[in-house]
Amino acid sequence: MNIEGFRAYCLAKKGVTEEFPFDANTLVYKVMGKMFALTDLDNFESVNLKADPEQVMLLQERFSAVLPGYHMNKKHWISVMLDGTLKDSLICEWIDDSYNLVSASLPKKDREILKEL
């Protein structure tokens, strides 16, 4: 996966914005204002994604390219190394999971707005 593919995939989702809330290099994707994916724009070697806490350890055990979320809550976030060992389709599946987890936790009002988009 390259940065253009990652950006296009994230931005194609409903209610998503692309932001730089931390610095000029940390590219963050949010759904209705809540973060679901981030990466280093200049050094696109990994992406951080939200994950189901029950799956975090399983993913780390099964895939050497999945690490605890760098600078994130290790119970809820994973860092996916983009070292070529994972298929893009699997990374996209995890992006979907992250988006869906965050979307499901939005306040009811925001979930309703998201449905209408």
N, C-alpha and C. Protein backbone atom coordinates (compact mmCIF):
# COMPACT_ATOMS: atom_id res chain seq x y z
N MET A 1 0.86 -1.18 0.00
CA MET A 1 0.00 0.00 0.00
C MET A 1 0.90 1.24 0.00
N ASN A 2 0.51 2.20 -0.81
CA ASN A 2 1.25 3.46 -0.83
C ASN A 2 0.39 4.55 -0.20
N ILE A 3 0.98 5.70 0.00
CA ILE A 3 0.30 6.80 0.69
C ILE A 3 -0.94 7.25 -0.08
N GLU A 4 -0.86 7.28 -1.41
CA GLU A 4 -2.01 7.71 -2.20
C GLU A 4 -3.18 6.75 -2.04
N GLY A 5 -2.90 5.45 -2.06
CA GLY A 5 -3.94 4.45 -1.88
C GLY A 5 -4.56 4.52 -0.49
N PHE A 6 -3.71 4.71 0.52
CA PHE A 6 -4.18 4.85 1.89
C PHE A 6 -5.10 6.06 2.03
N ARG A 7 -4.66 7.19 1.51
CA ARG A 7 -5.45 8.42 1.59
C ARG A 7 -6.79 8.26 0.89
N ALA A 8 -6.76 7.73 -0.33
CA ALA A 8 -7.99 7.57 -1.10
C ALA A 8 -8.96 6.62 -0.40
N TYR A 9 -8.45 5.54 0.17
CA TYR A 9 -9.30 4.57 0.84
C TYR A 9 -9.99 5.18 2.06
N CYS A 10 -9.21 5.91 2.85
CA CYS A 10 -9.79 6.55 4.05
C CYS A 10 -10.79 7.63 3.68
N LEU A 11 -10.44 8.46 2.72
CA LEU A 11 -11.30 9.59 2.35
C LEU A 11 -12.60 9.16 1.66
N ALA A 12 -12.64 7.95 1.13
CA ALA A 12 -13.84 7.46 0.45
C ALA A 12 -14.96 7.10 1.44
N LYS A 13 -14.63 7.05 2.71
CA LYS A 13 -15.61 6.67 3.72
C LYS A 13 -16.47 7.88 4.12
N LYS A 14 -17.71 7.61 4.51
CA LYS A 14 -18.64 8.67 4.89
C LYS A 14 -18.15 9.44 6.12
N GLY A 15 -18.28 10.77 6.07
CA GLY A 15 -18.01 11.62 7.22
C GLY A 15 -16.55 11.76 7.60
N VAL A 16 -15.63 11.42 6.69
CA VAL A 16 -14.21 11.42 7.02
C VAL A 16 -13.56 12.74 6.64
N THR A 17 -12.70 13.22 7.54
CA THR A 17 -11.87 14.39 7.27
C THR A 17 -10.40 14.00 7.41
N GLU A 18 -9.57 14.74 6.71
CA GLU A 18 -8.12 14.55 6.75
C GLU A 18 -7.54 15.77 7.45
N GLU A 19 -6.76 15.55 8.51
CA GLU A 19 -6.28 16.67 9.33
C GLU A 19 -4.84 16.47 9.76
N PHE A 20 -4.24 17.54 10.25
CA PHE A 20 -2.90 17.53 10.84
C PHE A 20 -2.97 18.17 12.23
N PRO A 21 -3.63 17.52 13.20
CA PRO A 21 -3.83 18.15 14.51
C PRO A 21 -2.60 18.17 15.41
N PHE A 22 -1.62 17.32 15.12
CA PHE A 22 -0.47 17.20 16.01
C PHE A 22 0.75 17.96 15.50
N ASP A 23 1.04 17.81 14.23
CA ASP A 23 2.18 18.49 13.60
C ASP A 23 2.01 18.41 12.09
N ALA A 24 2.97 18.93 11.34
CA ALA A 24 2.85 18.99 9.88
C ALA A 24 3.08 17.64 9.21
N ASN A 25 3.53 16.63 9.96
CA ASN A 25 3.82 15.33 9.36
C ASN A 25 2.83 14.23 9.72
N THR A 26 2.09 14.38 10.81
CA THR A 26 1.19 13.32 11.25
C THR A 26 -0.18 13.53 10.63
N LEU A 27 -0.46 12.69 9.63
CA LEU A 27 -1.71 12.74 8.88
C LEU A 27 -2.75 11.91 9.62
N VAL A 28 -3.87 12.54 9.98
CA VAL A 28 -4.90 11.91 10.79
C VAL A 28 -6.23 11.89 10.04
N TYR A 29 -6.89 10.73 10.11
CA TYR A 29 -8.23 10.60 9.53
C TYR A 29 -9.23 10.44 10.66
N LYS A 30 -10.29 11.24 10.56
CA LYS A 30 -11.33 11.24 11.58
C LYS A 30 -12.68 11.02 10.92
N VAL A 31 -13.55 10.32 11.65
CA VAL A 31 -14.94 10.20 11.25
C VAL A 31 -15.75 10.99 12.26
N MET A 32 -16.45 12.00 11.76
CA MET A 32 -17.26 12.87 12.62
C MET A 32 -16.44 13.40 13.80
N GLY A 33 -15.18 13.75 13.53
CA GLY A 33 -14.32 14.35 14.54
C GLY A 33 -13.57 13.39 15.44
N LYS A 34 -13.74 12.08 15.24
CA LYS A 34 -13.05 11.07 16.07
C LYS A 34 -12.04 10.31 15.23
N MET A 35 -10.83 10.22 15.73
CA MET A 35 -9.71 9.62 15.01
C MET A 35 -9.88 8.11 14.83
N PHE A 36 -9.62 7.63 13.60
CA PHE A 36 -9.64 6.19 13.35
C PHE A 36 -8.38 5.69 12.64
N ALA A 37 -7.57 6.59 12.08
CA ALA A 37 -6.33 6.18 11.41
C ALA A 37 -5.36 7.34 11.39
N LEU A 38 -4.08 7.03 11.50
CA LEU A 38 -3.06 8.05 11.38
C LEU A 38 -1.76 7.45 10.89
N THR A 39 -0.94 8.30 10.29
CA THR A 39 0.35 7.87 9.76
C THR A 39 1.28 9.06 9.65
N ASP A 40 2.54 8.77 9.43
CA ASP A 40 3.54 9.82 9.19
C ASP A 40 3.56 10.08 7.69
N LEU A 41 3.24 11.28 7.30
CA LEU A 41 3.15 11.63 5.89
C LEU A 41 4.49 11.54 5.18
N ASP A 42 5.56 11.97 5.82
CA ASP A 42 6.88 11.97 5.19
C ASP A 42 7.55 10.61 5.21
N ASN A 43 7.20 9.78 6.19
CA ASN A 43 7.84 8.48 6.35
C ASN A 43 6.75 7.42 6.44
N PHE A 44 6.12 7.11 5.32
CA PHE A 44 4.96 6.22 5.28
C PHE A 44 5.41 4.77 5.41
N GLU A 45 5.74 4.39 6.66
CA GLU A 45 6.20 3.02 6.93
C GLU A 45 5.21 2.23 7.78
N SER A 46 4.24 2.93 8.38
CA SER A 46 3.25 2.26 9.22
C SER A 46 2.01 3.13 9.32
N VAL A 47 0.91 2.49 9.75
CA VAL A 47 -0.32 3.22 10.04
C VAL A 47 -0.81 2.75 11.40
N ASN A 48 -1.38 3.66 12.15
CA ASN A 48 -2.01 3.31 13.43
C ASN A 48 -3.50 3.23 13.19
N LEU A 49 -4.09 2.13 13.70
CA LEU A 49 -5.52 1.89 13.53
C LEU A 49 -6.13 1.45 14.85
N LYS A 50 -7.36 1.84 15.07
CA LYS A 50 -8.09 1.38 16.24
C LYS A 50 -8.48 -0.08 15.99
N ALA A 51 -8.46 -0.88 17.05
CA ALA A 51 -8.81 -2.29 16.92
C ALA A 51 -9.60 -2.73 18.14
N ASP A 52 -10.41 -3.74 17.94
CA ASP A 52 -11.16 -4.34 19.03
C ASP A 52 -10.17 -4.87 20.06
N PRO A 53 -10.29 -4.48 21.33
CA PRO A 53 -9.34 -4.93 22.35
C PRO A 53 -9.17 -6.45 22.40
N GLU A 54 -10.24 -7.18 22.06
CA GLU A 54 -10.14 -8.64 22.06
C GLU A 54 -9.31 -9.15 20.89
N GLN A 55 -9.15 -8.35 19.85
CA GLN A 55 -8.39 -8.75 18.67
C GLN A 55 -6.94 -8.27 18.68
N VAL A 56 -6.65 -7.24 19.47
CA VAL A 56 -5.32 -6.63 19.45
C VAL A 56 -4.21 -7.67 19.67
N MET A 57 -4.31 -8.43 20.72
CA MET A 57 -3.26 -9.42 21.02
C MET A 57 -3.21 -10.52 19.97
N LEU A 58 -4.37 -10.96 19.49
CA LEU A 58 -4.41 -12.00 18.46
C LEU A 58 -3.73 -11.54 17.17
N LEU A 59 -3.99 -10.31 16.78
CA LEU A 59 -3.35 -9.77 15.57
C LEU A 59 -1.84 -9.67 15.73
N GLN A 60 -1.41 -9.25 16.92
CA GLN A 60 0.02 -9.13 17.17
C GLN A 60 0.71 -10.50 17.18
N GLU A 61 0.01 -11.51 17.67
CA GLU A 61 0.58 -12.86 17.69
C GLU A 61 0.61 -13.47 16.30
N ARG A 62 -0.38 -13.18 15.49
CA ARG A 62 -0.50 -13.81 14.17
C ARG A 62 0.35 -13.13 13.10
N PHE A 63 0.50 -11.81 13.21
CA PHE A 63 1.20 -11.05 12.16
C PHE A 63 2.38 -10.29 12.76
N SER A 64 3.57 -10.58 12.26
CA SER A 64 4.76 -9.90 12.79
C SER A 64 4.75 -8.40 12.45
N ALA A 65 3.98 -8.01 11.45
CA ALA A 65 3.91 -6.60 11.04
C ALA A 65 2.90 -5.80 11.87
N VAL A 66 2.25 -6.45 12.83
CA VAL A 66 1.30 -5.76 13.70
C VAL A 66 1.93 -5.62 15.08
N LEU A 67 2.07 -4.37 15.50
CA LEU A 67 2.71 -4.04 16.78
C LEU A 67 1.74 -3.24 17.64
N PRO A 68 2.05 -3.12 18.94
CA PRO A 68 1.22 -2.24 19.78
C PRO A 68 1.21 -0.83 19.20
N GLY A 69 0.11 -0.14 19.32
CA GLY A 69 -0.03 1.20 18.75
C GLY A 69 1.03 2.16 19.25
N TYR A 70 1.83 2.67 18.34
CA TYR A 70 2.91 3.60 18.68
C TYR A 70 2.31 4.91 19.18
N HIS A 71 2.69 5.30 20.39
CA HIS A 71 2.20 6.53 21.04
C HIS A 71 0.68 6.52 21.25
N MET A 72 0.09 5.32 21.33
CA MET A 72 -1.36 5.20 21.48
C MET A 72 -1.66 4.26 22.64
N ASN A 73 -2.92 4.18 23.02
CA ASN A 73 -3.36 3.22 24.03
C ASN A 73 -3.19 1.82 23.45
N LYS A 74 -2.30 1.04 24.02
CA LYS A 74 -1.93 -0.27 23.48
C LYS A 74 -3.08 -1.27 23.52
N LYS A 75 -4.08 -1.02 24.33
CA LYS A 75 -5.23 -1.92 24.42
C LYS A 75 -6.18 -1.72 23.24
N HIS A 76 -6.20 -0.52 22.67
CA HIS A 76 -7.18 -0.19 21.64
C HIS A 76 -6.59 0.13 20.27
N TRP A 77 -5.28 0.24 20.17
CA TRP A 77 -4.66 0.67 18.91
C TRP A 77 -3.54 -0.28 18.52
N ILE A 78 -3.39 -0.45 17.19
CA ILE A 78 -2.28 -1.23 16.64
C ILE A 78 -1.51 -0.36 15.65
N SER A 79 -0.24 -0.66 15.51
CA SER A 79 0.57 -0.09 14.45
C SER A 79 0.79 -1.19 13.43
N VAL A 80 0.44 -0.91 12.20
CA VAL A 80 0.60 -1.88 11.12
C VAL A 80 1.79 -1.44 10.28
N MET A 81 2.85 -2.26 10.29
CA MET A 81 4.05 -1.95 9.53
C MET A 81 3.79 -2.24 8.06
N LEU A 82 4.13 -1.30 7.22
CA LEU A 82 3.90 -1.45 5.78
C LEU A 82 5.20 -1.94 5.13
N ASP A 83 5.57 -3.15 5.51
CA ASP A 83 6.84 -3.73 5.07
C ASP A 83 6.69 -4.70 3.90
N GLY A 84 5.49 -4.77 3.33
CA GLY A 84 5.25 -5.63 2.19
C GLY A 84 4.83 -7.05 2.55
N THR A 85 4.74 -7.37 3.84
CA THR A 85 4.37 -8.73 4.24
C THR A 85 2.85 -8.93 4.33
N LEU A 86 2.11 -7.83 4.31
CA LEU A 86 0.64 -7.92 4.40
C LEU A 86 0.01 -7.48 3.09
N LYS A 87 -1.04 -8.17 2.70
CA LYS A 87 -1.77 -7.79 1.49
C LYS A 87 -2.52 -6.48 1.75
N ASP A 88 -2.62 -5.66 0.72
CA ASP A 88 -3.37 -4.42 0.83
C ASP A 88 -4.81 -4.68 1.24
N SER A 89 -5.39 -5.77 0.76
CA SER A 89 -6.78 -6.09 1.10
C SER A 89 -6.95 -6.31 2.60
N LEU A 90 -5.95 -6.89 3.26
CA LEU A 90 -6.02 -7.10 4.70
C LEU A 90 -5.89 -5.77 5.45
N ILE A 91 -5.00 -4.92 4.98
CA ILE A 91 -4.84 -3.59 5.59
C ILE A 91 -6.15 -2.81 5.43
N CYS A 92 -6.77 -2.89 4.26
CA CYS A 92 -8.05 -2.21 4.04
C CYS A 92 -9.13 -2.77 4.97
N GLU A 93 -9.11 -4.06 5.19
CA GLU A 93 -10.07 -4.67 6.12
C GLU A 93 -9.89 -4.09 7.52
N TRP A 94 -8.64 -3.91 7.94
CA TRP A 94 -8.37 -3.34 9.26
C TRP A 94 -8.74 -1.87 9.33
N ILE A 95 -8.57 -1.14 8.22
CA ILE A 95 -9.02 0.25 8.16
C ILE A 95 -10.54 0.29 8.33
N ASP A 96 -11.23 -0.61 7.64
CA ASP A 96 -12.69 -0.71 7.77
C ASP A 96 -13.08 -0.99 9.22
N ASP A 97 -12.39 -1.95 9.84
CA ASP A 97 -12.68 -2.29 11.24
C ASP A 97 -12.50 -1.07 12.14
N SER A 98 -11.42 -0.33 11.93
CA SER A 98 -11.14 0.84 12.74
C SER A 98 -12.24 1.89 12.57
N TYR A 99 -12.58 2.16 11.33
CA TYR A 99 -13.65 3.12 11.02
C TYR A 99 -14.96 2.69 11.67
N ASN A 100 -15.30 1.41 11.54
CA ASN A 100 -16.55 0.90 12.10
C ASN A 100 -16.58 0.96 13.62
N LEU A 101 -15.46 0.65 14.26
CA LEU A 101 -15.39 0.74 15.72
C LEU A 101 -15.63 2.17 16.19
N VAL A 102 -14.97 3.11 15.55
CA VAL A 102 -15.10 4.51 15.94
C VAL A 102 -16.51 5.01 15.62
N SER A 103 -17.03 4.67 14.46
CA SER A 103 -18.38 5.09 14.08
C SER A 103 -19.41 4.59 15.07
N ALA A 104 -19.27 3.34 15.49
CA ALA A 104 -20.24 2.75 16.42
C ALA A 104 -20.21 3.41 17.79
N SER A 105 -19.09 4.04 18.14
CA SER A 105 -18.97 4.67 19.45
C SER A 105 -19.36 6.14 19.45
N LEU A 106 -19.75 6.66 18.29
CA LEU A 106 -20.16 8.06 18.20
C LEU A 106 -21.47 8.28 18.94
N PRO A 107 -21.71 9.51 19.39
CA PRO A 107 -23.02 9.81 19.98
C PRO A 107 -24.13 9.55 18.95
N LYS A 108 -25.30 9.22 19.43
CA LYS A 108 -26.42 8.87 18.56
C LYS A 108 -26.68 9.94 17.51
N LYS A 109 -26.60 11.19 17.89
CA LYS A 109 -26.83 12.29 16.95
C LYS A 109 -25.86 12.22 15.78
N ASP A 110 -24.59 11.98 16.07
CA ASP A 110 -23.57 11.90 15.02
C ASP A 110 -23.76 10.64 14.16
N ARG A 111 -24.16 9.53 14.79
CA ARG A 111 -24.42 8.31 14.01
C ARG A 111 -25.56 8.53 13.03
N GLU A 112 -26.57 9.27 13.46
CA GLU A 112 -27.71 9.56 12.58
C GLU A 112 -27.28 10.46 11.41
N ILE A 113 -26.47 11.45 11.70
CA ILE A 113 -25.96 12.33 10.62
C ILE A 113 -25.14 11.50 9.63
N LEU A 114 -24.32 10.60 10.15
CA LEU A 114 -23.46 9.77 9.31
C LEU A 114 -24.30 8.88 8.39
N LYS A 115 -25.39 8.35 8.88
CA LYS A 115 -26.27 7.51 8.07
C LYS A 115 -26.85 8.29 6.89
N GLU A 116 -27.07 9.59 7.11
CA GLU A 116 -27.69 10.40 6.06
C GLU A 116 -26.71 10.87 4.99
N LEU A 117 -25.43 10.73 5.25
CA LEU A 117 -24.43 11.19 4.28
C LEU A 117 -24.33 10.27 3.08
